[in-house]
Amino acid sequence: ADAHALGETLVEGANDLAAEVTTR
């Protein structure tokens, strides 16, 4: 469960980073 939550957090962080990079 912790690994799954960490994976989701990493995916969300990567998506947020990609969106920020795209915007910039």
mmCIF file of all heavy atoms, coordinates in Angstrom:
data_MODEL
# 
_entry.id   MODEL 
# 
loop_
_atom_site.group_PDB 
_atom_site.id 
_atom_site.type_symbol 
_atom_site.label_atom_id 
_atom_site.label_alt_id 
_atom_site.label_comp_id 
_atom_site.label_asym_id 
_atom_site.label_entity_id 
_atom_site.label_seq_id 
_atom_site.pdbx_PDB_ins_code 
_atom_site.Cartn_x 
_atom_site.Cartn_y 
_atom_site.Cartn_z 
_atom_site.occupancy 
_atom_site.B_iso_or_equiv 
_atom_site.pdbx_formal_charge 
_atom_site.auth_seq_id 
_atom_site.auth_comp_id 
_atom_site.auth_asym_id 
_atom_site.auth_atom_id 
_atom_site.pdbx_PDB_model_num 
ATOM 1   N N   . ALA A 1 1  ? 0.836  -1.202 0.000   1.00 0.00 ? 1  ALA A N   1 
ATOM 2   C CA  . ALA A 1 1  ? 0.000  0.000  0.000   1.00 0.00 ? 1  ALA A CA  1 
ATOM 3   C C   . ALA A 1 1  ? 0.877  1.261  0.000   1.00 0.00 ? 1  ALA A C   1 
ATOM 4   O O   . ALA A 1 1  ? 0.610  2.216  -0.741  1.00 0.00 ? 1  ALA A O   1 
ATOM 5   C CB  . ALA A 1 1  ? -0.936 0.002  1.207   1.00 0.00 ? 1  ALA A CB  1 
ATOM 6   N N   . ASP A 1 2  ? 1.926  1.256  0.822   1.00 0.00 ? 2  ASP A N   1 
ATOM 7   C CA  . ASP A 1 2  ? 2.829  2.410  0.871   1.00 0.00 ? 2  ASP A CA  1 
ATOM 8   C C   . ASP A 1 2  ? 3.561  2.583  -0.463  1.00 0.00 ? 2  ASP A C   1 
ATOM 9   O O   . ASP A 1 2  ? 3.722  3.708  -0.945  1.00 0.00 ? 2  ASP A O   1 
ATOM 10  C CB  . ASP A 1 2  ? 3.842  2.259  2.011   1.00 0.00 ? 2  ASP A CB  1 
ATOM 11  C CG  . ASP A 1 2  ? 3.217  2.438  3.390   1.00 0.00 ? 2  ASP A CG  1 
ATOM 12  O OD1 . ASP A 1 2  ? 2.047  2.890  3.457   1.00 0.00 ? 2  ASP A OD1 1 
ATOM 13  O OD2 . ASP A 1 2  ? 3.893  2.122  4.394   1.00 0.00 ? 2  ASP A OD2 1 
ATOM 14  N N   . ALA A 1 3  ? 3.991  1.478  -1.070  1.00 0.00 ? 3  ALA A N   1 
ATOM 15  C CA  . ALA A 1 3  ? 4.677  1.554  -2.360  1.00 0.00 ? 3  ALA A CA  1 
ATOM 16  C C   . ALA A 1 3  ? 3.731  2.076  -3.438  1.00 0.00 ? 3  ALA A C   1 
ATOM 17  O O   . ALA A 1 3  ? 4.115  2.895  -4.277  1.00 0.00 ? 3  ALA A O   1 
ATOM 18  C CB  . ALA A 1 3  ? 5.238  0.190  -2.759  1.00 0.00 ? 3  ALA A CB  1 
ATOM 19  N N   . HIS A 1 4  ? 2.472  1.607  -3.404  1.00 0.00 ? 4  HIS A N   1 
ATOM 20  C CA  . HIS A 1 4  ? 1.485  2.069  -4.374  1.00 0.00 ? 4  HIS A CA  1 
ATOM 21  C C   . HIS A 1 4  ? 1.238  3.574  -4.194  1.00 0.00 ? 4  HIS A C   1 
ATOM 22  O O   . HIS A 1 4  ? 1.203  4.329  -5.172  1.00 0.00 ? 4  HIS A O   1 
ATOM 23  C CB  . HIS A 1 4  ? 0.182  1.286  -4.220  1.00 0.00 ? 4  HIS A CB  1 
ATOM 24  C CG  . HIS A 1 4  ? -0.876 1.673  -5.196  1.00 0.00 ? 4  HIS A CG  1 
ATOM 25  N ND1 . HIS A 1 4  ? -0.775 1.397  -6.537  1.00 0.00 ? 4  HIS A ND1 1 
ATOM 26  C CD2 . HIS A 1 4  ? -2.052 2.333  -5.030  1.00 0.00 ? 4  HIS A CD2 1 
ATOM 27  C CE1 . HIS A 1 4  ? -1.844 1.870  -7.161  1.00 0.00 ? 4  HIS A CE1 1 
ATOM 28  N NE2 . HIS A 1 4  ? -2.636 2.439  -6.264  1.00 0.00 ? 4  HIS A NE2 1 
ATOM 29  N N   . ALA A 1 5  ? 1.084  4.015  -2.953  1.00 0.00 ? 5  ALA A N   1 
ATOM 30  C CA  . ALA A 1 5  ? 0.862  5.438  -2.677  1.00 0.00 ? 5  ALA A CA  1 
ATOM 31  C C   . ALA A 1 5  ? 2.073  6.262  -3.116  1.00 0.00 ? 5  ALA A C   1 
ATOM 32  O O   . ALA A 1 5  ? 1.927  7.339  -3.711  1.00 0.00 ? 5  ALA A O   1 
ATOM 33  C CB  . ALA A 1 5  ? 0.583  5.657  -1.191  1.00 0.00 ? 5  ALA A CB  1 
ATOM 34  N N   . LEU A 1 6  ? 3.273  5.738  -2.857  1.00 0.00 ? 6  LEU A N   1 
ATOM 35  C CA  . LEU A 1 6  ? 4.480  6.435  -3.274  1.00 0.00 ? 6  LEU A CA  1 
ATOM 36  C C   . LEU A 1 6  ? 4.549  6.519  -4.796  1.00 0.00 ? 6  LEU A C   1 
ATOM 37  O O   . LEU A 1 6  ? 4.893  7.568  -5.356  1.00 0.00 ? 6  LEU A O   1 
ATOM 38  C CB  . LEU A 1 6  ? 5.721  5.733  -2.728  1.00 0.00 ? 6  LEU A CB  1 
ATOM 39  C CG  . LEU A 1 6  ? 7.075  6.335  -3.102  1.00 0.00 ? 6  LEU A CG  1 
ATOM 40  C CD1 . LEU A 1 6  ? 7.181  7.768  -2.602  1.00 0.00 ? 6  LEU A CD1 1 
ATOM 41  C CD2 . LEU A 1 6  ? 8.203  5.490  -2.567  1.00 0.00 ? 6  LEU A CD2 1 
ATOM 42  N N   . GLY A 1 7  ? 4.202  5.430  -5.476  1.00 0.00 ? 7  GLY A N   1 
ATOM 43  C CA  . GLY A 1 7  ? 4.178  5.429  -6.940  1.00 0.00 ? 7  GLY A CA  1 
ATOM 44  C C   . GLY A 1 7  ? 3.200  6.455  -7.477  1.00 0.00 ? 7  GLY A C   1 
ATOM 45  O O   . GLY A 1 7  ? 3.512  7.189  -8.420  1.00 0.00 ? 7  GLY A O   1 
ATOM 46  N N   . GLU A 1 8  ? 2.014  6.528  -6.902  1.00 0.00 ? 8  GLU A N   1 
ATOM 47  C CA  . GLU A 1 8  ? 1.030  7.520  -7.338  1.00 0.00 ? 8  GLU A CA  1 
ATOM 48  C C   . GLU A 1 8  ? 1.540  8.937  -7.100  1.00 0.00 ? 8  GLU A C   1 
ATOM 49  O O   . GLU A 1 8  ? 1.367  9.822  -7.943  1.00 0.00 ? 8  GLU A O   1 
ATOM 50  C CB  . GLU A 1 8  ? -0.301 7.304  -6.614  1.00 0.00 ? 8  GLU A CB  1 
ATOM 51  C CG  . GLU A 1 8  ? -1.078 6.101  -7.104  1.00 0.00 ? 8  GLU A CG  1 
ATOM 52  C CD  . GLU A 1 8  ? -2.391 5.896  -6.347  1.00 0.00 ? 8  GLU A CD  1 
ATOM 53  O OE1 . GLU A 1 8  ? -2.615 6.590  -5.325  1.00 0.00 ? 8  GLU A OE1 1 
ATOM 54  O OE2 . GLU A 1 8  ? -3.170 5.051  -6.783  1.00 0.00 ? 8  GLU A OE2 1 
ATOM 55  N N   . THR A 1 9  ? 2.179  9.140  -5.963  1.00 0.00 ? 9  THR A N   1 
ATOM 56  C CA  . THR A 1 9  ? 2.742  10.454 -5.655  1.00 0.00 ? 9  THR A CA  1 
ATOM 57  C C   . THR A 1 9  ? 3.825  10.819 -6.664  1.00 0.00 ? 9  THR A C   1 
ATOM 58  O O   . THR A 1 9  ? 3.875  11.965 -7.145  1.00 0.00 ? 9  THR A O   1 
ATOM 59  C CB  . THR A 1 9  ? 3.326  10.469 -4.225  1.00 0.00 ? 9  THR A CB  1 
ATOM 60  O OG1 . THR A 1 9  ? 2.277  10.146 -3.299  1.00 0.00 ? 9  THR A OG1 1 
ATOM 61  C CG2 . THR A 1 9  ? 3.909  11.815 -3.873  1.00 0.00 ? 9  THR A CG2 1 
ATOM 62  N N   . LEU A 1 10 ? 4.680  9.860  -7.008  1.00 0.00 ? 10 LEU A N   1 
ATOM 63  C CA  . LEU A 1 10 ? 5.732  10.123 -7.994  1.00 0.00 ? 10 LEU A CA  1 
ATOM 64  C C   . LEU A 1 10 ? 5.138  10.422 -9.366  1.00 0.00 ? 10 LEU A C   1 
ATOM 65  O O   . LEU A 1 10 ? 5.599  11.335 -10.059 1.00 0.00 ? 10 LEU A O   1 
ATOM 66  C CB  . LEU A 1 10 ? 6.690  8.932  -8.083  1.00 0.00 ? 10 LEU A CB  1 
ATOM 67  C CG  . LEU A 1 10 ? 7.622  8.730  -6.891  1.00 0.00 ? 10 LEU A CG  1 
ATOM 68  C CD1 . LEU A 1 10 ? 8.410  7.440  -7.050  1.00 0.00 ? 10 LEU A CD1 1 
ATOM 69  C CD2 . LEU A 1 10 ? 8.545  9.914  -6.711  1.00 0.00 ? 10 LEU A CD2 1 
ATOM 70  N N   . VAL A 1 11 ? 4.107  9.675  -9.767  1.00 0.00 ? 11 VAL A N   1 
ATOM 71  C CA  . VAL A 1 11 ? 3.468  9.913  -11.065 1.00 0.00 ? 11 VAL A CA  1 
ATOM 72  C C   . VAL A 1 11 ? 2.820  11.297 -11.075 1.00 0.00 ? 11 VAL A C   1 
ATOM 73  O O   . VAL A 1 11 ? 2.955  12.053 -12.045 1.00 0.00 ? 11 VAL A O   1 
ATOM 74  C CB  . VAL A 1 11 ? 2.440  8.811  -11.388 1.00 0.00 ? 11 VAL A CB  1 
ATOM 75  C CG1 . VAL A 1 11 ? 1.557  9.201  -12.554 1.00 0.00 ? 11 VAL A CG1 1 
ATOM 76  C CG2 . VAL A 1 11 ? 3.149  7.501  -11.686 1.00 0.00 ? 11 VAL A CG2 1 
ATOM 77  N N   . GLU A 1 12 ? 2.126  11.663 -10.008 1.00 0.00 ? 12 GLU A N   1 
ATOM 78  C CA  . GLU A 1 12 ? 1.513  12.992 -9.932  1.00 0.00 ? 12 GLU A CA  1 
ATOM 79  C C   . GLU A 1 12 ? 2.582  14.081 -9.987  1.00 0.00 ? 12 GLU A C   1 
ATOM 80  O O   . GLU A 1 12 ? 2.413  15.093 -10.679 1.00 0.00 ? 12 GLU A O   1 
ATOM 81  C CB  . GLU A 1 12 ? 0.697  13.124 -8.643  1.00 0.00 ? 12 GLU A CB  1 
ATOM 82  C CG  . GLU A 1 12 ? -0.586 12.321 -8.637  1.00 0.00 ? 12 GLU A CG  1 
ATOM 83  C CD  . GLU A 1 12 ? -1.295 12.356 -7.283  1.00 0.00 ? 12 GLU A CD  1 
ATOM 84  O OE1 . GLU A 1 12 ? -0.927 13.199 -6.421  1.00 0.00 ? 12 GLU A OE1 1 
ATOM 85  O OE2 . GLU A 1 12 ? -2.206 11.537 -7.083  1.00 0.00 ? 12 GLU A OE2 1 
ATOM 86  N N   . GLY A 1 13 ? 3.679  13.865 -9.253  1.00 0.00 ? 13 GLY A N   1 
ATOM 87  C CA  . GLY A 1 13 ? 4.772  14.834 -9.274  1.00 0.00 ? 13 GLY A CA  1 
ATOM 88  C C   . GLY A 1 13 ? 5.378  14.972 -10.664 1.00 0.00 ? 13 GLY A C   1 
ATOM 89  O O   . GLY A 1 13 ? 5.659  16.078 -11.131 1.00 0.00 ? 13 GLY A O   1 
ATOM 90  N N   . ALA A 1 14 ? 5.560  13.833 -11.348 1.00 0.00 ? 14 ALA A N   1 
ATOM 91  C CA  . ALA A 1 14 ? 6.105  13.876 -12.709 1.00 0.00 ? 14 ALA A CA  1 
ATOM 92  C C   . ALA A 1 14 ? 5.137  14.581 -13.648 1.00 0.00 ? 14 ALA A C   1 
ATOM 93  O O   . ALA A 1 14 ? 5.558  15.374 -14.499 1.00 0.00 ? 14 ALA A O   1 
ATOM 94  C CB  . ALA A 1 14 ? 6.398  12.461 -13.204 1.00 0.00 ? 14 ALA A CB  1 
ATOM 95  N N   . ASN A 1 15 ? 3.853  14.314 -13.515 1.00 0.00 ? 15 ASN A N   1 
ATOM 96  C CA  . ASN A 1 15 ? 2.853  14.993 -14.353 1.00 0.00 ? 15 ASN A CA  1 
ATOM 97  C C   . ASN A 1 15 ? 2.847  16.496 -14.088 1.00 0.00 ? 15 ASN A C   1 
ATOM 98  O O   . ASN A 1 15 ? 2.762  17.298 -15.021 1.00 0.00 ? 15 ASN A O   1 
ATOM 99  C CB  . ASN A 1 15 ? 1.460  14.406 -14.126 1.00 0.00 ? 15 ASN A CB  1 
ATOM 100 C CG  . ASN A 1 15 ? 1.306  13.022 -14.722 1.00 0.00 ? 15 ASN A CG  1 
ATOM 101 O OD1 . ASN A 1 15 ? 2.049  12.632 -15.609 1.00 0.00 ? 15 ASN A OD1 1 
ATOM 102 N ND2 . ASN A 1 15 ? 0.350  12.272 -14.223 1.00 0.00 ? 15 ASN A ND2 1 
ATOM 103 N N   . ASP A 1 16 ? 2.916  16.867 -12.813 1.00 0.00 ? 16 ASP A N   1 
ATOM 104 C CA  . ASP A 1 16 ? 2.966  18.289 -12.467 1.00 0.00 ? 16 ASP A CA  1 
ATOM 105 C C   . ASP A 1 16 ? 4.227  18.950 -13.039 1.00 0.00 ? 16 ASP A C   1 
ATOM 106 O O   . ASP A 1 16 ? 4.163  20.062 -13.569 1.00 0.00 ? 16 ASP A O   1 
ATOM 107 C CB  . ASP A 1 16 ? 2.924  18.485 -10.943 1.00 0.00 ? 16 ASP A CB  1 
ATOM 108 C CG  . ASP A 1 16 ? 1.581  18.117 -10.341 1.00 0.00 ? 16 ASP A CG  1 
ATOM 109 O OD1 . ASP A 1 16 ? 0.601  17.956 -11.102 1.00 0.00 ? 16 ASP A OD1 1 
ATOM 110 O OD2 . ASP A 1 16 ? 1.507  17.975 -9.100  1.00 0.00 ? 16 ASP A OD2 1 
ATOM 111 N N   . LEU A 1 17 ? 5.352  18.244 -12.927 1.00 0.00 ? 17 LEU A N   1 
ATOM 112 C CA  . LEU A 1 17 ? 6.606  18.771 -13.459 1.00 0.00 ? 17 LEU A CA  1 
ATOM 113 C C   . LEU A 1 17 ? 6.527  18.916 -14.974 1.00 0.00 ? 17 LEU A C   1 
ATOM 114 O O   . LEU A 1 17 ? 6.944  19.938 -15.527 1.00 0.00 ? 17 LEU A O   1 
ATOM 115 C CB  . LEU A 1 17 ? 7.770  17.862 -13.071 1.00 0.00 ? 17 LEU A CB  1 
ATOM 116 C CG  . LEU A 1 17 ? 9.153  18.280 -13.554 1.00 0.00 ? 17 LEU A CG  1 
ATOM 117 C CD1 . LEU A 1 17 ? 9.535  19.649 -12.990 1.00 0.00 ? 17 LEU A CD1 1 
ATOM 118 C CD2 . LEU A 1 17 ? 10.191 17.245 -13.171 1.00 0.00 ? 17 LEU A CD2 1 
ATOM 119 N N   . ALA A 1 18 ? 5.968  17.911 -15.641 1.00 0.00 ? 18 ALA A N   1 
ATOM 120 C CA  . ALA A 1 18 ? 5.826  17.979 -17.098 1.00 0.00 ? 18 ALA A CA  1 
ATOM 121 C C   . ALA A 1 18 ? 4.923  19.150 -17.497 1.00 0.00 ? 18 ALA A C   1 
ATOM 122 O O   . ALA A 1 18 ? 5.215  19.867 -18.459 1.00 0.00 ? 18 ALA A O   1 
ATOM 123 C CB  . ALA A 1 18 ? 5.269  16.669 -17.645 1.00 0.00 ? 18 ALA A CB  1 
ATOM 124 N N   . ALA A 1 19 ? 3.838  19.353 -16.764 1.00 0.00 ? 19 ALA A N   1 
ATOM 125 C CA  . ALA A 1 19 ? 2.943  20.469 -17.062 1.00 0.00 ? 19 ALA A CA  1 
ATOM 126 C C   . ALA A 1 19 ? 3.655  21.805 -16.848 1.00 0.00 ? 19 ALA A C   1 
ATOM 127 O O   . ALA A 1 19 ? 3.514  22.729 -17.662 1.00 0.00 ? 19 ALA A O   1 
ATOM 128 C CB  . ALA A 1 19 ? 1.691  20.391 -16.191 1.00 0.00 ? 19 ALA A CB  1 
ATOM 129 N N   . GLU A 1 20 ? 4.439  21.902 -15.802 1.00 0.00 ? 20 GLU A N   1 
ATOM 130 C CA  . GLU A 1 20 ? 5.182  23.132 -15.523 1.00 0.00 ? 20 GLU A CA  1 
ATOM 131 C C   . GLU A 1 20 ? 6.224  23.394 -16.602 1.00 0.00 ? 20 GLU A C   1 
ATOM 132 O O   . GLU A 1 20 ? 6.374  24.523 -17.078 1.00 0.00 ? 20 GLU A O   1 
ATOM 133 C CB  . GLU A 1 20 ? 5.862  23.047 -14.149 1.00 0.00 ? 20 GLU A CB  1 
ATOM 134 C CG  . GLU A 1 20 ? 6.654  24.268 -13.761 1.00 0.00 ? 20 GLU A CG  1 
ATOM 135 C CD  . GLU A 1 20 ? 5.806  25.502 -13.525 1.00 0.00 ? 20 GLU A CD  1 
ATOM 136 O OE1 . GLU A 1 20 ? 4.609  25.380 -13.216 1.00 0.00 ? 20 GLU A OE1 1 
ATOM 137 O OE2 . GLU A 1 20 ? 6.353  26.615 -13.655 1.00 0.00 ? 20 GLU A OE2 1 
ATOM 138 N N   . VAL A 1 21 ? 6.947  22.348 -16.996 1.00 0.00 ? 21 VAL A N   1 
ATOM 139 C CA  . VAL A 1 21 ? 7.959  22.494 -18.051 1.00 0.00 ? 21 VAL A CA  1 
ATOM 140 C C   . VAL A 1 21 ? 7.278  22.913 -19.355 1.00 0.00 ? 21 VAL A C   1 
ATOM 141 O O   . VAL A 1 21 ? 7.764  23.801 -20.053 1.00 0.00 ? 21 VAL A O   1 
ATOM 142 C CB  . VAL A 1 21 ? 8.759  21.185 -18.224 1.00 0.00 ? 21 VAL A CB  1 
ATOM 143 C CG1 . VAL A 1 21 ? 9.569  21.198 -19.508 1.00 0.00 ? 21 VAL A CG1 1 
ATOM 144 C CG2 . VAL A 1 21 ? 9.673  20.970 -17.031 1.00 0.00 ? 21 VAL A CG2 1 
ATOM 145 N N   . THR A 1 22 ? 6.152  22.283 -19.680 1.00 0.00 ? 22 THR A N   1 
ATOM 146 C CA  . THR A 1 22 ? 5.422  22.625 -20.902 1.00 0.00 ? 22 THR A CA  1 
ATOM 147 C C   . THR A 1 22 ? 4.994  24.082 -20.872 1.00 0.00 ? 22 THR A C   1 
ATOM 148 O O   . THR A 1 22 ? 5.152  24.809 -21.867 1.00 0.00 ? 22 THR A O   1 
ATOM 149 C CB  . THR A 1 22 ? 4.196  21.710 -21.068 1.00 0.00 ? 22 THR A CB  1 
ATOM 150 O OG1 . THR A 1 22 ? 4.644  20.357 -21.140 1.00 0.00 ? 22 THR A OG1 1 
ATOM 151 C CG2 . THR A 1 22 ? 3.408  22.048 -22.310 1.00 0.00 ? 22 THR A CG2 1 
ATOM 152 N N   . THR A 1 23 ? 4.473  24.530 -19.759 1.00 0.00 ? 23 THR A N   1 
ATOM 153 C CA  . THR A 1 23 ? 4.045  25.923 -19.629 1.00 0.00 ? 23 THR A CA  1 
ATOM 154 C C   . THR A 1 23 ? 5.231  26.868 -19.808 1.00 0.00 ? 23 THR A C   1 
ATOM 155 O O   . THR A 1 23 ? 5.128  27.867 -20.529 1.00 0.00 ? 23 THR A O   1 
ATOM 156 C CB  . THR A 1 23 ? 3.392  26.146 -18.254 1.00 0.00 ? 23 THR A CB  1 
ATOM 157 O OG1 . THR A 1 23 ? 2.255  25.292 -18.143 1.00 0.00 ? 23 THR A OG1 1 
ATOM 158 C CG2 . THR A 1 23 ? 2.967  27.586 -18.072 1.00 0.00 ? 23 THR A CG2 1 
ATOM 159 N N   . ARG A 1 24 ? 6.338  26.546 -19.182 1.00 0.00 ? 24 ARG A N   1 
ATOM 160 C CA  . ARG A 1 24 ? 7.515  27.425 -19.287 1.00 0.00 ? 24 ARG A CA  1 
ATOM 161 C C   . ARG A 1 24 ? 8.080  27.435 -20.698 1.00 0.00 ? 24 ARG A C   1 
ATOM 162 O O   . ARG A 1 24 ? 8.503  28.478 -21.188 1.00 0.00 ? 24 ARG A O   1 
ATOM 163 C CB  . ARG A 1 24 ? 8.579  27.018 -18.278 1.00 0.00 ? 24 ARG A CB  1 
ATOM 164 C CG  . ARG A 1 24 ? 8.158  27.371 -16.872 1.00 0.00 ? 24 ARG A CG  1 
ATOM 165 C CD  . ARG A 1 24 ? 9.234  27.231 -15.884 1.00 0.00 ? 24 ARG A CD  1 
ATOM 166 N NE  . ARG A 1 24 ? 8.728  27.543 -14.556 1.00 0.00 ? 24 ARG A NE  1 
ATOM 167 C CZ  . ARG A 1 24 ? 9.488  27.693 -13.521 1.00 0.00 ? 24 ARG A CZ  1 
ATOM 168 N NH1 . ARG A 1 24 ? 10.782 27.559 -13.631 1.00 0.00 ? 24 ARG A NH1 1 
ATOM 169 N NH2 . ARG A 1 24 ? 8.964  27.963 -12.357 1.00 0.00 ? 24 ARG A NH2 1 
# 
